[in-house]
């Protein structure tokens, strides 16, 4: 927006001593007259540079991805259907240990003081992280979480319907929300 405003201002009030390479780095250093016509030509060159020339390689790759066909049967033929699904979709079979690794636990011995303070559970004497961990670890059929329920918990916390193959980039930090309202959800 800032660049567009500066260039629009040049169309209204042409500035002297500008060169074409100010607008398009690939252009020669041709000096521009302080006229509306030269400013229009320069702004057009700048737009072409910003929107097309700088992105040309990416746009060509995008076009190639849509029109060229690469036969991957040999490379993908070595994988089973389950492996292909996991590679494309992510892990939909979530064990208790995998779900535990998705969280930063502020109440465990390895937690830093900063993490504990940021989470806020210790300050109010809450054992919520421990209770959640116990629910996740419960392997009883009556009270324990099924695979579908573990996936629902992951989706509720992250908006992901499957765990990426390499796990989460950033683990989920449990936080206490003292100023929460009736309609608040964790972010």
Protein backbone atom coordinates (compact mmCIF):
# COMPACT_ATOMS: atom_id res chain seq x y z
CA UNK A 1 0.00 0.00 0.00
CA UNK A 2 2.82 2.40 0.82
CA UNK A 3 4.55 1.86 -2.52
CA UNK A 4 1.26 2.27 -4.41
CA UNK A 5 0.62 5.56 -2.61
CA UNK A 6 4.10 6.87 -3.42
CA UNK A 7 3.75 5.91 -7.08
CA UNK A 8 0.25 7.39 -7.28
CA UNK A 9 1.64 10.64 -5.87
CA UNK A 10 4.28 10.68 -8.63
CA UNK A 11 1.50 10.59 -11.22
CA UNK A 12 -0.08 13.68 -9.66
CA UNK A 13 3.19 15.51 -8.88
CA UNK A 14 6.02 14.20 -11.11
CA UNK A 15 9.41 14.35 -9.38
CA UNK A 16 12.60 15.42 -11.17
CA UNK A 17 15.89 13.47 -11.28
CA UNK A 18 14.37 9.98 -11.19
CA UNK A 19 15.73 7.13 -13.28
CA UNK A 20 13.86 4.15 -14.70
CA UNK A 21 15.84 1.66 -12.60
CA UNK A 22 14.21 3.21 -9.49
CA UNK A 23 10.99 1.52 -10.66
CA UNK A 24 12.44 -1.54 -12.41
CA UNK A 25 15.83 -2.82 -11.13
CA UNK A 26 16.44 -4.61 -14.45
CA UNK A 27 15.97 -1.44 -16.52
CA UNK A 28 18.78 0.82 -17.61
CA UNK A 29 19.44 4.02 -15.68
CA UNK A 30 17.57 6.19 -18.18
CA UNK A 31 16.77 9.55 -16.63
CA UNK A 32 13.07 10.44 -16.62
CA UNK A 33 11.62 13.84 -17.33
CA UNK A 34 9.34 15.26 -14.64
CA UNK A 35 6.27 14.77 -16.84
CA UNK A 36 3.13 12.76 -16.28
CA UNK A 37 3.82 10.70 -19.41
CA UNK A 38 7.27 9.59 -18.21
CA UNK A 39 5.93 8.89 -14.71
CA UNK A 40 3.14 6.75 -16.18
CA UNK A 41 5.71 4.79 -18.19
CA UNK A 42 7.90 4.38 -15.10
CA UNK A 43 5.01 3.25 -12.85
CA UNK A 44 3.92 0.77 -15.53
CA UNK A 45 7.49 -0.59 -15.71
CA UNK A 46 7.56 -0.84 -11.90
CA UNK A 47 4.25 -2.71 -11.80
CA UNK A 48 5.44 -5.08 -14.53
CA UNK A 49 8.64 -5.70 -12.54
CA UNK A 50 6.90 -6.25 -9.19
CA UNK A 51 3.99 -8.34 -10.48
CA UNK A 52 5.54 -10.26 -13.37
CA UNK A 53 9.30 -10.14 -13.79
CA UNK A 54 10.18 -10.80 -10.13
CA UNK A 55 7.72 -13.69 -10.03
CA UNK A 56 8.32 -15.07 -13.50
CA UNK A 57 10.23 -18.18 -12.37
CA UNK A 58 7.52 -19.01 -9.81
CA UNK A 59 4.74 -18.44 -12.32
CA UNK A 60 6.48 -20.69 -14.87
CA UNK A 61 6.87 -23.43 -12.25
CA UNK A 62 3.19 -23.10 -11.33
CA UNK A 63 2.18 -23.35 -14.99
CA UNK A 64 4.46 -26.35 -15.50
CA UNK A 65 2.84 -28.06 -12.51
CA UNK A 66 -0.55 -27.79 -14.17
CA UNK A 67 0.33 -28.66 -17.76
CA UNK A 68 3.27 -31.07 -17.54
CA UNK A 69 2.77 -34.67 -16.54
CA UNK A 70 5.40 -36.55 -14.57
CA UNK A 71 4.86 -40.28 -14.25
CA UNK A 72 5.56 -41.23 -10.63
CA UNK A 73 4.40 -44.86 -10.87
CA UNK A 74 7.92 -46.24 -10.45
CA UNK A 75 8.76 -44.02 -7.46
CA UNK A 76 5.40 -44.41 -5.72
CA UNK A 77 4.94 -48.07 -6.70
CA UNK A 78 7.26 -49.14 -3.89
CA UNK A 79 4.90 -47.68 -1.27
CA UNK A 80 1.82 -49.39 0.09
CA UNK A 81 -1.59 -47.72 -0.08
CA UNK A 82 -1.43 -47.06 3.68
CA UNK A 83 1.99 -45.40 3.33
CA UNK A 84 0.74 -43.22 0.48
CA UNK A 85 -2.31 -42.17 2.49
CA UNK A 86 -0.14 -41.31 5.49
CA UNK A 87 2.27 -39.35 3.30
CA UNK A 88 -0.53 -37.37 1.66
CA UNK A 89 -2.94 -36.92 4.55
CA UNK A 90 -0.88 -37.32 7.68
CA UNK A 91 -1.22 -39.72 10.58
CA UNK A 92 -4.85 -40.56 11.37
CA UNK A 93 -3.95 -43.36 13.76
CA UNK A 94 -2.84 -41.41 16.81
CA UNK A 95 -1.36 -43.30 19.78
CA UNK A 96 -1.42 -41.97 23.31
CA UNK A 97 2.33 -41.27 23.19
CA UNK A 98 2.04 -39.38 19.89
CA UNK A 99 -0.72 -37.22 21.33
CA UNK A 100 1.30 -36.56 24.50
CA UNK A 101 4.22 -35.34 22.34
CA UNK A 102 1.91 -32.74 20.77
CA UNK A 103 1.78 -30.81 24.06
CA UNK A 104 4.29 -28.86 26.14
CA UNK A 105 3.64 -29.92 29.70
CA UNK A 106 4.33 -27.02 32.09
CA UNK A 107 4.06 -29.24 35.16
CA UNK A 108 6.72 -31.81 34.26
CA UNK A 109 10.28 -31.60 35.68
CA UNK A 110 11.83 -30.60 32.31
CA UNK A 111 9.62 -27.50 31.97
CA UNK A 112 11.39 -24.16 32.17
CA UNK A 113 10.38 -21.55 34.72
CA UNK A 114 9.36 -19.26 31.84
CA UNK A 115 7.05 -21.93 30.41
CA UNK A 116 5.50 -22.54 33.83
CA UNK A 117 4.89 -18.83 34.37
CA UNK A 118 3.50 -18.38 30.84
CA UNK A 119 1.13 -21.32 31.29
CA UNK A 120 -0.15 -19.86 34.58
CA UNK A 121 -1.38 -23.07 36.22
CA UNK A 122 1.12 -23.07 39.11
CA UNK A 123 0.21 -19.52 40.12
CA UNK A 124 -3.42 -20.53 40.76
CA UNK A 125 -2.65 -24.03 42.08
CA UNK A 126 -4.33 -25.82 39.17
CA UNK A 127 -3.58 -29.44 38.26
CA UNK A 128 -5.28 -29.26 34.84
CA UNK A 129 -2.17 -30.33 32.86
CA UNK A 130 -1.76 -33.41 35.07
CA UNK A 131 -5.46 -34.29 34.72
CA UNK A 132 -5.34 -33.95 30.93
CA UNK A 133 -2.22 -36.12 30.79
CA UNK A 134 -3.96 -38.77 32.91
CA UNK A 135 -6.99 -38.74 30.59
CA UNK A 136 -4.75 -39.15 27.54
CA UNK A 137 -2.74 -41.96 29.17
CA UNK A 138 -5.84 -43.84 30.43
CA UNK A 139 -6.00 -47.03 28.37
CA UNK A 140 -9.21 -48.40 29.87
CA UNK A 141 -12.08 -48.98 27.47
CA UNK A 142 -14.55 -47.25 29.82
CA UNK A 143 -12.73 -43.95 30.45
CA UNK A 144 -9.80 -43.83 28.03
CA UNK A 145 -9.81 -41.92 24.76
CA UNK A 146 -10.36 -43.90 21.59
CA UNK A 147 -8.32 -43.15 18.45
CA UNK A 148 -11.21 -41.06 17.09
CA UNK A 149 -11.43 -39.09 20.35
CA UNK A 150 -7.65 -38.48 20.35
CA UNK A 151 -7.96 -37.14 16.79
CA UNK A 152 -10.89 -34.93 17.85
CA UNK A 153 -8.79 -33.52 20.70
CA UNK A 154 -5.94 -32.82 18.27
CA UNK A 155 -8.37 -31.13 15.87
CA UNK A 156 -9.91 -29.06 18.67
CA UNK A 157 -6.47 -27.85 19.77
CA UNK A 158 -4.89 -27.32 16.35
CA UNK A 159 -7.62 -27.40 13.64
CA UNK A 160 -5.70 -30.30 12.04
CA UNK A 161 -7.64 -33.44 11.10
CA UNK A 162 -4.48 -35.55 11.11
CA UNK A 163 -1.04 -35.33 12.69
CA UNK A 164 1.62 -34.34 10.12
CA UNK A 165 4.17 -37.09 9.45
CA UNK A 166 6.92 -35.17 11.24
CA UNK A 167 4.69 -34.14 14.13
CA UNK A 168 3.69 -30.59 15.01
CA UNK A 169 6.15 -27.80 14.24
CA UNK A 170 5.31 -26.13 17.53
CA UNK A 171 3.93 -28.15 20.44
CA UNK A 172 0.69 -26.95 22.01
CA UNK A 173 1.27 -25.00 25.21
CA UNK A 174 -1.52 -25.39 27.72
CA UNK A 175 -2.44 -22.03 29.24
CA UNK A 176 -4.67 -20.88 32.05
CA UNK A 177 -7.05 -18.11 30.95
CA UNK A 178 -8.07 -16.11 34.05
CA UNK A 179 -9.91 -13.41 32.03
CA UNK A 180 -11.89 -15.85 29.91
CA UNK A 181 -15.48 -15.19 28.94
CA UNK A 182 -18.36 -17.58 28.40
CA UNK A 183 -17.80 -17.56 24.62
CA UNK A 184 -13.98 -17.80 24.60
CA UNK A 185 -12.12 -20.68 23.01
CA UNK A 186 -8.37 -21.26 23.19
CA UNK A 187 -6.43 -19.84 20.27
